[in-house]
Amino acid sequence: MVPIINTIAESSLGGGFVDWTINYLSGKEKFYGGICNPSCDQSSFFSVVSNPLDNNTSHKHKRNTANNYQDYIHIINTLDTVGDSFHTLHSLLYDCEHKANQKMYSSDMINSFNKNKFNIYINAAEHSHFWLYLDFSIGRDGYIYEPFKDELDEWNKSGNNEIWDKREVHALCKRPFNSRTINPDLIKNKFDLNIMDLFNTFDSTVYELFNYLELQIDSDRFDNWSNVYHKWRLQHTDRLRWVWYFDQIMESIVNGYSMDLTRFNIDLFHEATIQHVLIYKYDLNLKTFGLKKFPKNTKDLHNLLEKNIHNNLKNLY
């Protein structure tokens, strides 16, 4: 049976880049891909591209993509019929996304993972600032990402559906520092790849991954891979800076220090995270009625602070 290398990650955590890295740095010329990949018309052998980057994604690499258990089984069964030195697939944990207070997963899928010799789990500690990396920006106009639909529906029924109301219900409902993935102990045979390692130091630690996979890195390809990796990292700079600077931003708001917020391209969901921490950690809130966008400096936000008016909230921090 041909070994299958399974990269397990939520969307936007770099699983596609890791899948390409394995195929490219191992020296492969072709790989079998496109199974259950919505951007592919069919599955077949594809050439391993020298650069997978397409805007902010690695979608030029036509990986096999399992969005659910049915996809996963279909991919495994298909790959079992195709000869090669090894196969790769990217298991997306969509069942875990957008449910900040729940850990949702298929036990059948987990049991199937455990039949693999090689699983790569892109993750972080259950409670960590690293999860701020998934603190997606959402727009103030047009489509707005709604991870708390039930709560927002109730809120909207009250007639309070202005942008400042929407920001506040996000602040009350979201759990920005909680893992939205599965219990890592459920996957028995895995290589743990921390989010920040992948996005910051992977050019050094990729060797550890290849040792786990029992593969050799093609030294002739490493320089090009390293250049692509650094370009890929730059595409995620805003999200990384949000993780790194968040504590300093909160400290500046609470204490009235001056800090320029325009550096961080803050949007509605980021604003909700700030408001969330003020409410749950400091028992404070902001005078946001009529405030469509946060001011550009933390000192101005400090001047909007008021006592939290929401009662009987669970102490989260």
C-alpha atoms as a PDB file:
ATOM      1  CA  MET A   1       0.000   0.000   0.000  1.00  0.00           C
ATOM      2  CA  VAL A   2       1.308   3.457  -0.934  1.00  0.00           C
ATOM      3  CA  PRO A   3       1.916   5.638   2.183  1.00  0.00           C
ATOM      4  CA  ILE A   4      -0.473   8.588   2.537  1.00  0.00           C
ATOM      5  CA  ILE A   5       0.681  11.800   4.243  1.00  0.00           C
ATOM      6  CA  ASN A   6      -2.291  13.590   5.785  1.00  0.00           C
ATOM      7  CA  THR A   7      -2.022  17.281   6.744  1.00  0.00           C
ATOM      8  CA  ILE A   8      -4.770  18.171   9.234  1.00  0.00           C
ATOM      9  CA  ALA A   9      -5.651  21.839   9.682  1.00  0.00           C
ATOM     10  CA  GLU A  10      -8.393  24.395   9.655  1.00  0.00           C
ATOM     11  CA  SER A  11      -8.795  26.516   6.568  1.00  0.00           C
ATOM     12  CA  SER A  12      -6.242  29.345   6.354  1.00  0.00           C
ATOM     13  CA  LEU A  13      -3.663  27.646   8.577  1.00  0.00           C
ATOM     14  CA  GLY A  14      -1.235  26.774   5.799  1.00  0.00           C
ATOM     15  CA  GLY A  15      -2.186  23.153   5.140  1.00  0.00           C
ATOM     16  CA  GLY A  16      -2.016  23.648   1.388  1.00  0.00           C
ATOM     17  CA  PHE A  17       1.462  25.137   1.636  1.00  0.00           C
ATOM     18  CA  VAL A  18       2.645  22.200   3.735  1.00  0.00           C
ATOM     19  CA  ASP A  19       1.143  19.738   1.240  1.00  0.00           C
ATOM     20  CA  TRP A  20       3.026  21.454  -1.591  1.00  0.00           C
ATOM     21  CA  THR A  21       6.232  21.579   0.483  1.00  0.00           C
ATOM     22  CA  ILE A  22       6.203  17.804   0.961  1.00  0.00           C
ATOM     23  CA  ASN A  23       5.765  17.130  -2.746  1.00  0.00           C
ATOM     24  CA  TYR A  24       8.213  19.798  -3.895  1.00  0.00           C
ATOM     25  CA  LEU A  25      11.063  19.348  -1.417  1.00  0.00           C
ATOM     26  CA  SER A  26      10.945  15.572  -1.704  1.00  0.00           C
ATOM     27  CA  GLY A  27      11.947  15.992  -5.345  1.00  0.00           C
ATOM     28  CA  LYS A  28       8.719  14.781  -6.935  1.00  0.00           C
ATOM     29  CA  GLU A  29       8.029  15.811 -10.514  1.00  0.00           C
ATOM     30  CA  LYS A  30       4.372  14.765 -10.478  1.00  0.00           C
ATOM     31  CA  PHE A  31       1.779  13.931  -7.839  1.00  0.00           C
ATOM     32  CA  TYR A  32      -1.787  12.654  -7.943  1.00  0.00           C
ATOM     33  CA  GLY A  33      -4.125  15.462  -6.907  1.00  0.00           C
ATOM     34  CA  GLY A  34      -7.383  17.282  -7.460  1.00  0.00           C
ATOM     35  CA  ILE A  35      -9.619  14.806  -5.622  1.00  0.00           C
ATOM     36  CA  CYS A  36     -12.526  16.686  -3.991  1.00  0.00           C
ATOM     37  CA  ASN A  37     -10.753  19.967  -4.762  1.00  0.00           C
ATOM     38  CA  PRO A  38     -13.411  22.488  -5.905  1.00  0.00           C
ATOM     39  CA  SER A  39     -10.864  24.358  -8.042  1.00  0.00           C
ATOM     40  CA  CYS A  40     -10.097  21.238 -10.121  1.00  0.00           C
ATOM     41  CA  ASP A  41     -12.286  19.824 -12.881  1.00  0.00           C
ATOM     42  CA  GLN A  42     -10.869  16.357 -12.394  1.00  0.00           C
ATOM     43  CA  SER A  43      -8.291  14.367 -10.462  1.00  0.00           C
ATOM     44  CA  SER A  44      -5.135  13.252 -12.225  1.00  0.00           C
ATOM     45  CA  PHE A  45      -1.368  13.421 -12.068  1.00  0.00           C
ATOM     46  CA  PHE A  46      -0.258  17.066 -11.962  1.00  0.00           C
ATOM     47  CA  SER A  47       3.209  18.554 -12.276  1.00  0.00           C
ATOM     48  CA  VAL A  48       4.630  19.779  -8.975  1.00  0.00           C
ATOM     49  CA  VAL A  49       4.810  23.547  -9.470  1.00  0.00           C
ATOM     50  CA  SER A  50       7.893  25.484  -8.404  1.00  0.00           C
ATOM     51  CA  ASN A  51       5.701  28.207  -6.882  1.00  0.00           C
ATOM     52  CA  PRO A  52       2.148  27.457  -5.607  1.00  0.00           C
ATOM     53  CA  LEU A  53       1.261  31.026  -4.577  1.00  0.00           C
ATOM     54  CA  ASP A  54      -1.963  32.516  -5.882  1.00  0.00           C
ATOM     55  CA  ASN A  55      -2.815  35.787  -4.101  1.00  0.00           C
ATOM     56  CA  ASN A  56      -2.942  34.822  -0.406  1.00  0.00           C
ATOM     57  CA  THR A  57      -3.233  31.080  -0.983  1.00  0.00           C
ATOM     58  CA  SER A  58      -1.228  28.130  -2.292  1.00  0.00           C
ATOM     59  CA  HIS A  59      -3.990  27.081  -4.670  1.00  0.00           C
ATOM     60  CA  LYS A  60      -1.765  26.653  -7.726  1.00  0.00           C
ATOM     61  CA  HIS A  61      -0.885  23.385  -6.041  1.00  0.00           C
ATOM     62  CA  LYS A  62      -3.833  21.112  -6.907  1.00  0.00           C
ATOM     63  CA  ARG A  63      -3.927  19.168  -3.662  1.00  0.00           C
ATOM     64  CA  ASN A  64      -6.463  16.554  -2.604  1.00  0.00           C
ATOM     65  CA  THR A  65      -8.875  18.242  -0.191  1.00  0.00           C
ATOM     66  CA  ALA A  66     -11.079  16.447   2.337  1.00  0.00           C
ATOM     67  CA  ASN A  67     -13.815  18.760   3.628  1.00  0.00           C
ATOM     68  CA  ASN A  68     -15.609  15.985   5.525  1.00  0.00           C
ATOM     69  CA  TYR A  69     -15.493  12.281   6.304  1.00  0.00           C
ATOM     70  CA  GLN A  70     -17.112  11.281   3.007  1.00  0.00           C
ATOM     71  CA  ASP A  71     -14.495  13.237   1.060  1.00  0.00           C
ATOM     72  CA  TYR A  72     -11.732  11.707   3.139  1.00  0.00           C
ATOM     73  CA  ILE A  73     -12.827   8.120   2.481  1.00  0.00           C
ATOM     74  CA  HIS A  74     -13.268   8.858  -1.228  1.00  0.00           C
ATOM     75  CA  ILE A  75      -9.741  10.307  -1.423  1.00  0.00           C
ATOM     76  CA  ILE A  76      -8.199   7.375   0.465  1.00  0.00           C
ATOM     77  CA  ASN A  77     -10.006   4.820  -1.705  1.00  0.00           C
ATOM     78  CA  THR A  78      -8.981   6.620  -4.894  1.00  0.00           C
ATOM     79  CA  LEU A  79      -5.339   6.981  -3.894  1.00  0.00           C
ATOM     80  CA  ASP A  80      -5.191   3.288  -3.005  1.00  0.00           C
ATOM     81  CA  THR A  81      -5.645   2.545  -6.715  1.00  0.00           C
ATOM     82  CA  VAL A  82      -2.870   4.878  -7.881  1.00  0.00           C
ATOM     83  CA  GLY A  83       0.773   3.875  -7.840  1.00  0.00           C
ATOM     84  CA  ASP A  84       3.392   6.310  -6.488  1.00  0.00           C
ATOM     85  CA  SER A  85       6.100   6.571  -3.835  1.00  0.00           C
ATOM     86  CA  PHE A  86       3.637   8.353  -1.521  1.00  0.00           C
ATOM     87  CA  HIS A  87       0.453  10.436  -1.706  1.00  0.00           C
ATOM     88  CA  THR A  88      -0.608  13.579   0.145  1.00  0.00           C
ATOM     89  CA  LEU A  89      -3.947  15.038   1.189  1.00  0.00           C
ATOM     90  CA  HIS A  90      -5.138  18.042   3.156  1.00  0.00           C
ATOM     91  CA  SER A  91      -7.914  17.338   5.680  1.00  0.00           C
ATOM     92  CA  LEU A  92      -9.769  20.569   6.372  1.00  0.00           C
ATOM     93  CA  LEU A  93     -11.469  20.740   9.754  1.00  0.00           C
ATOM     94  CA  TYR A  94     -14.463  22.690   8.509  1.00  0.00           C
ATOM     95  CA  ASP A  95     -16.683  20.993  11.096  1.00  0.00           C
ATOM     96  CA  CYS A  96     -14.657  22.804  13.750  1.00  0.00           C
ATOM     97  CA  GLU A  97     -14.778  26.262  12.188  1.00  0.00           C
ATOM     98  CA  HIS A  98     -17.113  29.055  13.217  1.00  0.00           C
ATOM     99  CA  LYS A  99     -18.077  27.261  16.452  1.00  0.00           C
ATOM    100  CA  ALA A 100     -15.924  29.073  18.951  1.00  0.00           C
ATOM    101  CA  ASN A 101     -17.489  27.393  21.992  1.00  0.00           C
ATOM    102  CA  GLN A 102     -17.665  23.854  20.625  1.00  0.00           C
ATOM    103  CA  LYS A 103     -15.265  21.158  19.512  1.00  0.00           C
ATOM    104  CA  MET A 104     -17.034  19.430  16.666  1.00  0.00           C
ATOM    105  CA  TYR A 105     -15.471  16.545  14.809  1.00  0.00           C
ATOM    106  CA  SER A 106     -16.359  13.179  13.321  1.00  0.00           C
ATOM    107  CA  SER A 107     -15.195  10.207  15.368  1.00  0.00           C
ATOM    108  CA  ASP A 108     -15.127   8.194  12.132  1.00  0.00           C
ATOM    109  CA  MET A 109     -12.731  10.747  10.638  1.00  0.00           C
ATOM    110  CA  ILE A 110     -10.472  10.636  13.693  1.00  0.00           C
ATOM    111  CA  ASN A 111     -10.425   6.828  13.631  1.00  0.00           C
ATOM    112  CA  SER A 112      -9.449   6.994   9.961  1.00  0.00           C
ATOM    113  CA  PHE A 113      -6.639   9.451  10.718  1.00  0.00           C
ATOM    114  CA  ASN A 114      -5.252   6.970  13.223  1.00  0.00           C
ATOM    115  CA  LYS A 115      -4.920   4.331  10.520  1.00  0.00           C
ATOM    116  CA  ASN A 116      -2.401   6.560   8.721  1.00  0.00           C
ATOM    117  CA  LYS A 117       1.300   6.192   9.334  1.00  0.00           C
ATOM    118  CA  PHE A 118       1.835   9.928   8.788  1.00  0.00           C
ATOM    119  CA  ASN A 119      -0.376  12.742  10.105  1.00  0.00           C
ATOM    120  CA  ILE A 120       0.742  16.371  10.331  1.00  0.00           C
ATOM    121  CA  TYR A 121      -1.401  18.388  12.752  1.00  0.00           C
ATOM    122  CA  ILE A 122      -1.166  22.175  12.409  1.00  0.00           C
ATOM    123  CA  ASN A 123      -2.337  23.431  15.759  1.00  0.00           C
ATOM    124  CA  ALA A 124      -1.572  25.369  18.956  1.00  0.00           C
ATOM    125  CA  ALA A 125      -2.383  25.051  22.657  1.00  0.00           C
ATOM    126  CA  GLU A 126      -6.087  24.888  23.475  1.00  0.00           C
ATOM    127  CA  HIS A 127      -6.021  28.394  24.966  1.00  0.00           C
ATOM    128  CA  SER A 128      -3.490  30.616  23.247  1.00  0.00           C
ATOM    129  CA  HIS A 129      -2.998  34.054  21.757  1.00  0.00           C
ATOM    130  CA  PHE A 130      -1.845  32.214  18.644  1.00  0.00           C
ATOM    131  CA  TRP A 131      -5.510  31.648  17.752  1.00  0.00           C
ATOM    132  CA  LEU A 132      -5.761  35.369  17.090  1.00  0.00           C
ATOM    133  CA  TYR A 133      -4.203  34.428  13.762  1.00  0.00           C
ATOM    134  CA  LEU A 134      -7.693  33.216  12.778  1.00  0.00           C
ATOM    135  CA  ASP A 135      -9.288  36.480  13.919  1.00  0.00           C
ATOM    136  CA  PHE A 136     -10.538  37.160  10.409  1.00  0.00           C
ATOM    137  CA  SER A 137     -11.173  40.692   9.254  1.00  0.00           C
ATOM    138  CA  ILE A 138     -14.748  41.212   8.151  1.00  0.00           C
ATOM    139  CA  GLY A 139     -16.105  44.140   6.205  1.00  0.00           C
ATOM    140  CA  ARG A 140     -18.481  46.857   7.323  1.00  0.00           C
ATOM    141  CA  ASP A 141     -20.366  46.770   4.046  1.00  0.00           C
ATOM    142  CA  GLY A 142     -21.588  43.957   1.844  1.00  0.00           C
ATOM    143  CA  TYR A 143     -20.991  40.375   2.947  1.00  0.00           C
ATOM    144  CA  ILE A 144     -20.200  40.005   6.631  1.00  0.00           C
ATOM    145  CA  TYR A 145     -18.872  36.771   8.087  1.00  0.00           C
ATOM    146  CA  GLU A 146     -21.445  35.549  10.628  1.00  0.00           C
ATOM    147  CA  PRO A 147     -20.070  32.911  12.997  1.00  0.00           C
ATOM    148  CA  PHE A 148     -22.754  33.641  15.611  1.00  0.00           C
ATOM    149  CA  LYS A 149     -25.879  33.534  13.458  1.00  0.00           C
ATOM    150  CA  ASP A 150     -28.339  32.513  16.188  1.00  0.00           C
ATOM    151  CA  GLU A 151     -27.180  35.228  18.568  1.00  0.00           C
ATOM    152  CA  LEU A 152     -27.209  37.819  15.790  1.00  0.00           C
ATOM    153  CA  ASP A 153     -30.723  36.810  14.735  1.00  0.00           C
ATOM    154  CA  GLU A 154     -31.958  37.376  18.285  1.00  0.00           C
ATOM    155  CA  TRP A 155     -30.092  40.670  18.446  1.00  0.00           C
ATOM    156  CA  ASN A 156     -31.511  41.809  15.116  1.00  0.00           C
ATOM    157  CA  LYS A 157     -35.070  40.983  16.222  1.00  0.00           C
ATOM    158  CA  SER A 158     -34.643  43.649  18.884  1.00  0.00           C
ATOM    159  CA  GLY A 159     -34.100  46.218  16.151  1.00  0.00           C
ATOM    160  CA  ASN A 160     -30.522  46.868  17.209  1.00  0.00           C
ATOM    161  CA  ASN A 161     -28.883  46.011  13.913  1.00  0.00           C
ATOM    162  CA  GLU A 162     -26.477  48.879  13.418  1.00  0.00           C
ATOM    163  CA  ILE A 163     -22.792  48.170  12.878  1.00  0.00           C
ATOM    164  CA  TRP A 164     -21.927  49.081  16.480  1.00  0.00           C
ATOM    165  CA  ASP A 165     -24.573  46.609  17.709  1.00  0.00           C
ATOM    166  CA  LYS A 166     -23.187  43.883  15.477  1.00  0.00           C
ATOM    167  CA  ARG A 167     -19.683  44.561  16.785  1.00  0.00           C
ATOM    168  CA  GLU A 168     -20.890  44.267  20.377  1.00  0.00           C
ATOM    169  CA  VAL A 169     -22.697  40.943  19.902  1.00  0.00           C
ATOM    170  CA  HIS A 170     -19.535  39.561  18.282  1.00  0.00           C
ATOM    171  CA  ALA A 171     -17.576  40.817  21.297  1.00  0.00           C
ATOM    172  CA  LEU A 172     -19.952  39.061  23.686  1.00  0.00           C
ATOM    173  CA  CYS A 173     -20.096  35.751  21.805  1.00  0.00           C
ATOM    174  CA  LYS A 174     -16.632  35.159  20.395  1.00  0.00           C
ATOM    175  CA  ARG A 175     -13.844  33.294  22.191  1.00  0.00           C
ATOM    176  CA  PRO A 176     -10.758  34.525  20.325  1.00  0.00           C
ATOM    177  CA  PHE A 177      -8.158  32.619  22.371  1.00  0.00           C
ATOM    178  CA  ASN A 178      -9.834  29.207  22.294  1.00  0.00           C
ATOM    179  CA  SER A 179      -8.825  26.389  20.007  1.00  0.00           C
ATOM    180  CA  ARG A 180     -11.408  25.744  17.329  1.00  0.00           C
ATOM    181  CA  THR A 181      -9.958  22.381  16.413  1.00  0.00           C
ATOM    182  CA  ILE A 182      -9.999  18.878  17.827  1.00  0.00           C
ATOM    183  CA  ASN A 183      -8.379  17.449  20.922  1.00  0.00           C
ATOM    184  CA  PRO A 184      -4.836  16.698  19.704  1.00  0.00           C
ATOM    185  CA  ASP A 185      -4.585  13.636  21.933  1.00  0.00           C
ATOM    186  CA  LEU A 186      -7.229  11.924  19.787  1.00  0.00           C
ATOM    187  CA  ILE A 187      -4.759  11.682  16.898  1.00  0.00           C
ATOM    188  CA  LYS A 188      -2.348   9.000  18.061  1.00  0.00           C
ATOM    189  CA  ASN A 189       0.296   9.146  15.365  1.00  0.00           C
ATOM    190  CA  LYS A 190       1.083  12.712  14.401  1.00  0.00           C
ATOM    191  CA  PHE A 191       3.695  15.393  13.917  1.00  0.00           C
ATOM    192  CA  ASP A 192       2.661  18.544  15.804  1.00  0.00           C
ATOM    193  CA  LEU A 193       3.336  21.686  13.799  1.00  0.00           C
ATOM    194  CA  ASN A 194       2.637  24.841  15.785  1.00  0.00           C
ATOM    195  CA  ILE A 195       0.983  27.710  13.917  1.00  0.00           C
ATOM    196  CA  MET A 196       3.725  30.189  14.778  1.00  0.00           C
ATOM    197  CA  ASP A 197       6.474  27.718  13.877  1.00  0.00           C
ATOM    198  CA  LEU A 198       4.918  27.251  10.446  1.00  0.00           C
ATOM    199  CA  PHE A 199       4.567  30.971   9.787  1.00  0.00           C
ATOM    200  CA  ASN A 200       7.897  32.078  11.242  1.00  0.00           C
ATOM    201  CA  THR A 201      10.611  29.425  11.499  1.00  0.00           C
ATOM    202  CA  PHE A 202       9.576  26.646   9.131  1.00  0.00           C
ATOM    203  CA  ASP A 203      12.634  27.184   6.943  1.00  0.00           C
ATOM    204  CA  SER A 204      14.656  25.814   9.875  1.00  0.00           C
ATOM    205  CA  THR A 205      12.249  23.234  11.286  1.00  0.00           C
ATOM    206  CA  VAL A 206      11.103  21.736   7.976  1.00  0.00           C
ATOM    207  CA  TYR A 207      13.976  19.270   8.435  1.00  0.00           C
ATOM    208  CA  GLU A 208      12.234  17.862  11.528  1.00  0.00           C
ATOM    209  CA  LEU A 209       9.094  17.289   9.492  1.00  0.00           C
ATOM    210  CA  PHE A 210      10.975  15.433   6.771  1.00  0.00           C
ATOM    211  CA  ASN A 211      12.718  13.250   9.359  1.00  0.00           C
ATOM    212  CA  TYR A 212       9.282  12.276  10.693  1.00  0.00           C
ATOM    213  CA  LEU A 213       8.083  11.528   7.154  1.00  0.00           C
ATOM    214  CA  GLU A 214      11.201   9.453   6.452  1.00  0.00           C
ATOM    215  CA  LEU A 215      11.891  11.587   3.383  1.00  0.00           C
ATOM    216  CA  GLN A 216      15.011  13.324   2.101  1.00  0.00           C
ATOM    217  CA  ILE A 217      14.986  17.019   1.193  1.00  0.00           C
ATOM    218  CA  ASP A 218      16.108  17.723  -2.361  1.00  0.00           C
ATOM    219  CA  SER A 219      18.959  20.179  -1.745  1.00  0.00           C
ATOM    220  CA  ASP A 220      18.728  21.474  -5.331  1.00  0.00           C
ATOM    221  CA  ARG A 221      15.216  22.722  -4.637  1.00  0.00           C
ATOM    222  CA  PHE A 222      15.717  24.154  -1.164  1.00  0.00           C
ATOM    223  CA  ASP A 223      16.815  27.682  -2.166  1.00  0.00           C
ATOM    224  CA  ASN A 224      13.778  28.177  -4.393  1.00  0.00           C
ATOM    225  CA  TRP A 225      11.498  26.712  -1.718  1.00  0.00           C
ATOM    226  CA  SER A 226      12.992  29.089   0.856  1.00  0.00           C
ATOM    227  CA  ASN A 227      12.322  32.108  -1.409  1.00  0.00           C
ATOM    228  CA  VAL A 228       8.720  30.990  -1.929  1.00  0.00           C
ATOM    229  CA  TYR A 229       8.301  30.420   1.804  1.00  0.00           C
ATOM    230  CA  HIS A 230       9.406  33.965   2.616  1.00  0.00           C
ATOM    231  CA  LYS A 231       7.013  35.411   0.028  1.00  0.00           C
ATOM    232  CA  TRP A 232       4.222  33.290   1.504  1.00  0.00           C
ATOM    233  CA  ARG A 233       5.036  34.557   5.008  1.00  0.00           C
ATOM    234  CA  LEU A 234       4.799  38.170   3.845  1.00  0.00           C
ATOM    235  CA  GLN A 235       1.245  37.543   2.659  1.00  0.00           C
ATOM    236  CA  HIS A 236       0.264  36.809   6.262  1.00  0.00           C
ATOM    237  CA  THR A 237       2.071  39.695   7.934  1.00  0.00           C
ATOM    238  CA  ASP A 238      -1.082  41.521   9.070  1.00  0.00           C
ATOM    239  CA  ARG A 239      -2.424  38.457  10.867  1.00  0.00           C
ATOM    240  CA  LEU A 240       0.916  37.740  12.521  1.00  0.00           C
ATOM    241  CA  ARG A 241       1.317  41.313  13.702  1.00  0.00           C
ATOM    242  CA  TRP A 242      -2.169  41.159  15.210  1.00  0.00           C
ATOM    243  CA  VAL A 243      -0.997  38.200  17.325  1.00  0.00           C
ATOM    244  CA  TRP A 244       2.296  39.811  18.325  1.00  0.00           C
ATOM    245  CA  TYR A 245       0.992  43.276  19.201  1.00  0.00           C
ATOM    246  CA  PHE A 246      -2.380  42.441  20.735  1.00  0.00           C
ATOM    247  CA  ASP A 247      -1.309  42.593  24.407  1.00  0.00           C
ATOM    248  CA  GLN A 248       0.461  45.897  23.801  1.00  0.00           C
ATOM    249  CA  ILE A 249      -2.629  47.292  22.084  1.00  0.00           C
ATOM    250  CA  MET A 250      -4.833  46.312  25.047  1.00  0.00           C
ATOM    251  CA  GLU A 251      -2.342  47.701  27.569  1.00  0.00           C
ATOM    252  CA  SER A 252      -2.308  51.006  25.690  1.00  0.00           C
ATOM    253  CA  ILE A 253      -6.100  51.244  25.574  1.00  0.00           C
ATOM    254  CA  VAL A 254      -6.604  50.446  29.252  1.00  0.00           C
ATOM    255  CA  ASN A 255      -3.844  52.780  30.462  1.00  0.00           C
ATOM    256  CA  GLY A 256      -4.346  55.617  28.013  1.00  0.00           C
ATOM    257  CA  TYR A 257      -1.010  55.192  26.226  1.00  0.00           C
ATOM    258  CA  SER A 258      -0.636  56.449  22.678  1.00  0.00           C
ATOM    259  CA  MET A 259      -0.314  53.776  19.988  1.00  0.00           C
ATOM    260  CA  ASP A 260      -1.049  54.081  16.276  1.00  0.00           C
ATOM    261  CA  LEU A 261      -3.696  51.531  15.248  1.00  0.00           C
ATOM    262  CA  THR A 262      -3.554  52.288  11.524  1.00  0.00           C
ATOM    263  CA  ARG A 263      -0.495  50.007  11.296  1.00  0.00           C
ATOM    264  CA  PHE A 264      -2.642  46.912  11.849  1.00  0.00           C
ATOM    265  CA  ASN A 265      -5.425  47.226   9.228  1.00  0.00           C
ATOM    266  CA  ILE A 266      -8.000  46.644  11.944  1.00  0.00           C
ATOM    267  CA  ASP A 267     -11.481  45.736  10.779  1.00  0.00           C
ATOM    268  CA  LEU A 268     -14.773  44.917  12.487  1.00  0.00           C
ATOM    269  CA  PHE A 269     -13.878  41.510  13.877  1.00  0.00           C
ATOM    270  CA  HIS A 270     -10.598  42.810  15.296  1.00  0.00           C
ATOM    271  CA  GLU A 271     -12.504  45.645  16.947  1.00  0.00           C
ATOM    272  CA  ALA A 272     -14.865  43.068  18.447  1.00  0.00           C
ATOM    273  CA  THR A 273     -11.898  41.205  19.923  1.00  0.00           C
ATOM    274  CA  ILE A 274     -10.684  44.390  21.603  1.00  0.00           C
ATOM    275  CA  GLN A 275     -14.158  45.003  22.989  1.00  0.00           C
ATOM    276  CA  HIS A 276     -14.434  41.353  24.075  1.00  0.00           C
ATOM    277  CA  VAL A 277     -11.275  41.571  26.197  1.00  0.00           C
ATOM    278  CA  LEU A 278     -12.352  44.879  27.716  1.00  0.00           C
ATOM    279  CA  ILE A 279     -15.672  43.318  28.758  1.00  0.00           C
ATOM    280  CA  TYR A 280     -14.509  39.953  30.027  1.00  0.00           C
ATOM    281  CA  LYS A 281     -11.067  40.745  31.424  1.00  0.00           C
ATOM    282  CA  TYR A 282     -11.311  44.350  32.617  1.00  0.00           C
ATOM    283  CA  ASP A 283     -15.072  44.693  33.264  1.00  0.00           C
ATOM    284  CA  LEU A 284     -15.035  47.696  30.944  1.00  0.00           C
ATOM    285  CA  ASN A 285     -16.780  48.591  27.723  1.00  0.00           C
ATOM    286  CA  LEU A 286     -16.677  51.322  25.110  1.00  0.00           C
ATOM    287  CA  LYS A 287     -19.118  54.109  24.314  1.00  0.00           C
ATOM    288  CA  THR A 288     -19.685  52.852  20.803  1.00  0.00           C
ATOM    289  CA  PHE A 289     -23.186  54.121  19.960  1.00  0.00           C
ATOM    290  CA  GLY A 290     -22.883  55.628  16.499  1.00  0.00           C
ATOM    291  CA  LEU A 291     -19.248  54.496  16.197  1.00  0.00           C
ATOM    292  CA  LYS A 292     -18.876  52.888  12.780  1.00  0.00           C
ATOM    293  CA  LYS A 293     -15.104  52.565  12.987  1.00  0.00           C
ATOM    294  CA  PHE A 294     -12.669  52.674  15.889  1.00  0.00           C
ATOM    295  CA  PRO A 295     -10.415  55.736  16.216  1.00  0.00           C
ATOM    296  CA  LYS A 296      -6.877  55.577  14.886  1.00  0.00           C
ATOM    297  CA  ASN A 297      -5.099  55.808  18.242  1.00  0.00           C
ATOM    298  CA  THR A 298      -5.402  53.782  21.440  1.00  0.00           C
ATOM    299  CA  LYS A 299      -5.530  56.970  23.523  1.00  0.00           C
ATOM    300  CA  ASP A 300      -8.752  57.947  21.754  1.00  0.00           C
ATOM    301  CA  LEU A 301     -10.211  54.519  22.544  1.00  0.00           C
ATOM    302  CA  HIS A 302      -9.185  54.976  26.168  1.00  0.00           C
ATOM    303  CA  ASN A 303     -11.289  58.133  26.244  1.00  0.00           C
ATOM    304  CA  LEU A 304     -14.326  56.052  25.217  1.00  0.00           C
ATOM    305  CA  LEU A 305     -14.009  53.591  28.113  1.00  0.00           C
ATOM    306  CA  GLU A 306     -16.934  53.102  30.465  1.00  0.00           C
ATOM    307  CA  LYS A 307     -18.022  50.568  33.057  1.00  0.00           C
ATOM    308  CA  ASN A 308     -19.282  47.283  31.616  1.00  0.00           C
ATOM    309  CA  ILE A 309     -23.093  47.193  31.637  1.00  0.00           C
ATOM    310  CA  HIS A 310     -23.538  43.493  30.843  1.00  0.00           C
ATOM    311  CA  ASN A 311     -24.465  41.479  33.928  1.00  0.00           C
ATOM    312  CA  ASN A 312     -23.961  37.820  34.847  1.00  0.00           C
ATOM    313  CA  LEU A 313     -21.197  37.172  32.338  1.00  0.00           C
ATOM    314  CA  LYS A 314     -18.949  34.184  32.794  1.00  0.00           C
ATOM    315  CA  ASN A 315     -15.484  35.076  34.047  1.00  0.00           C
ATOM    316  CA  LEU A 316     -13.271  34.006  31.139  1.00  0.00           C
ATOM    317  CA  TYR A 317      -9.910  35.445  32.158  1.00  0.00           C
END
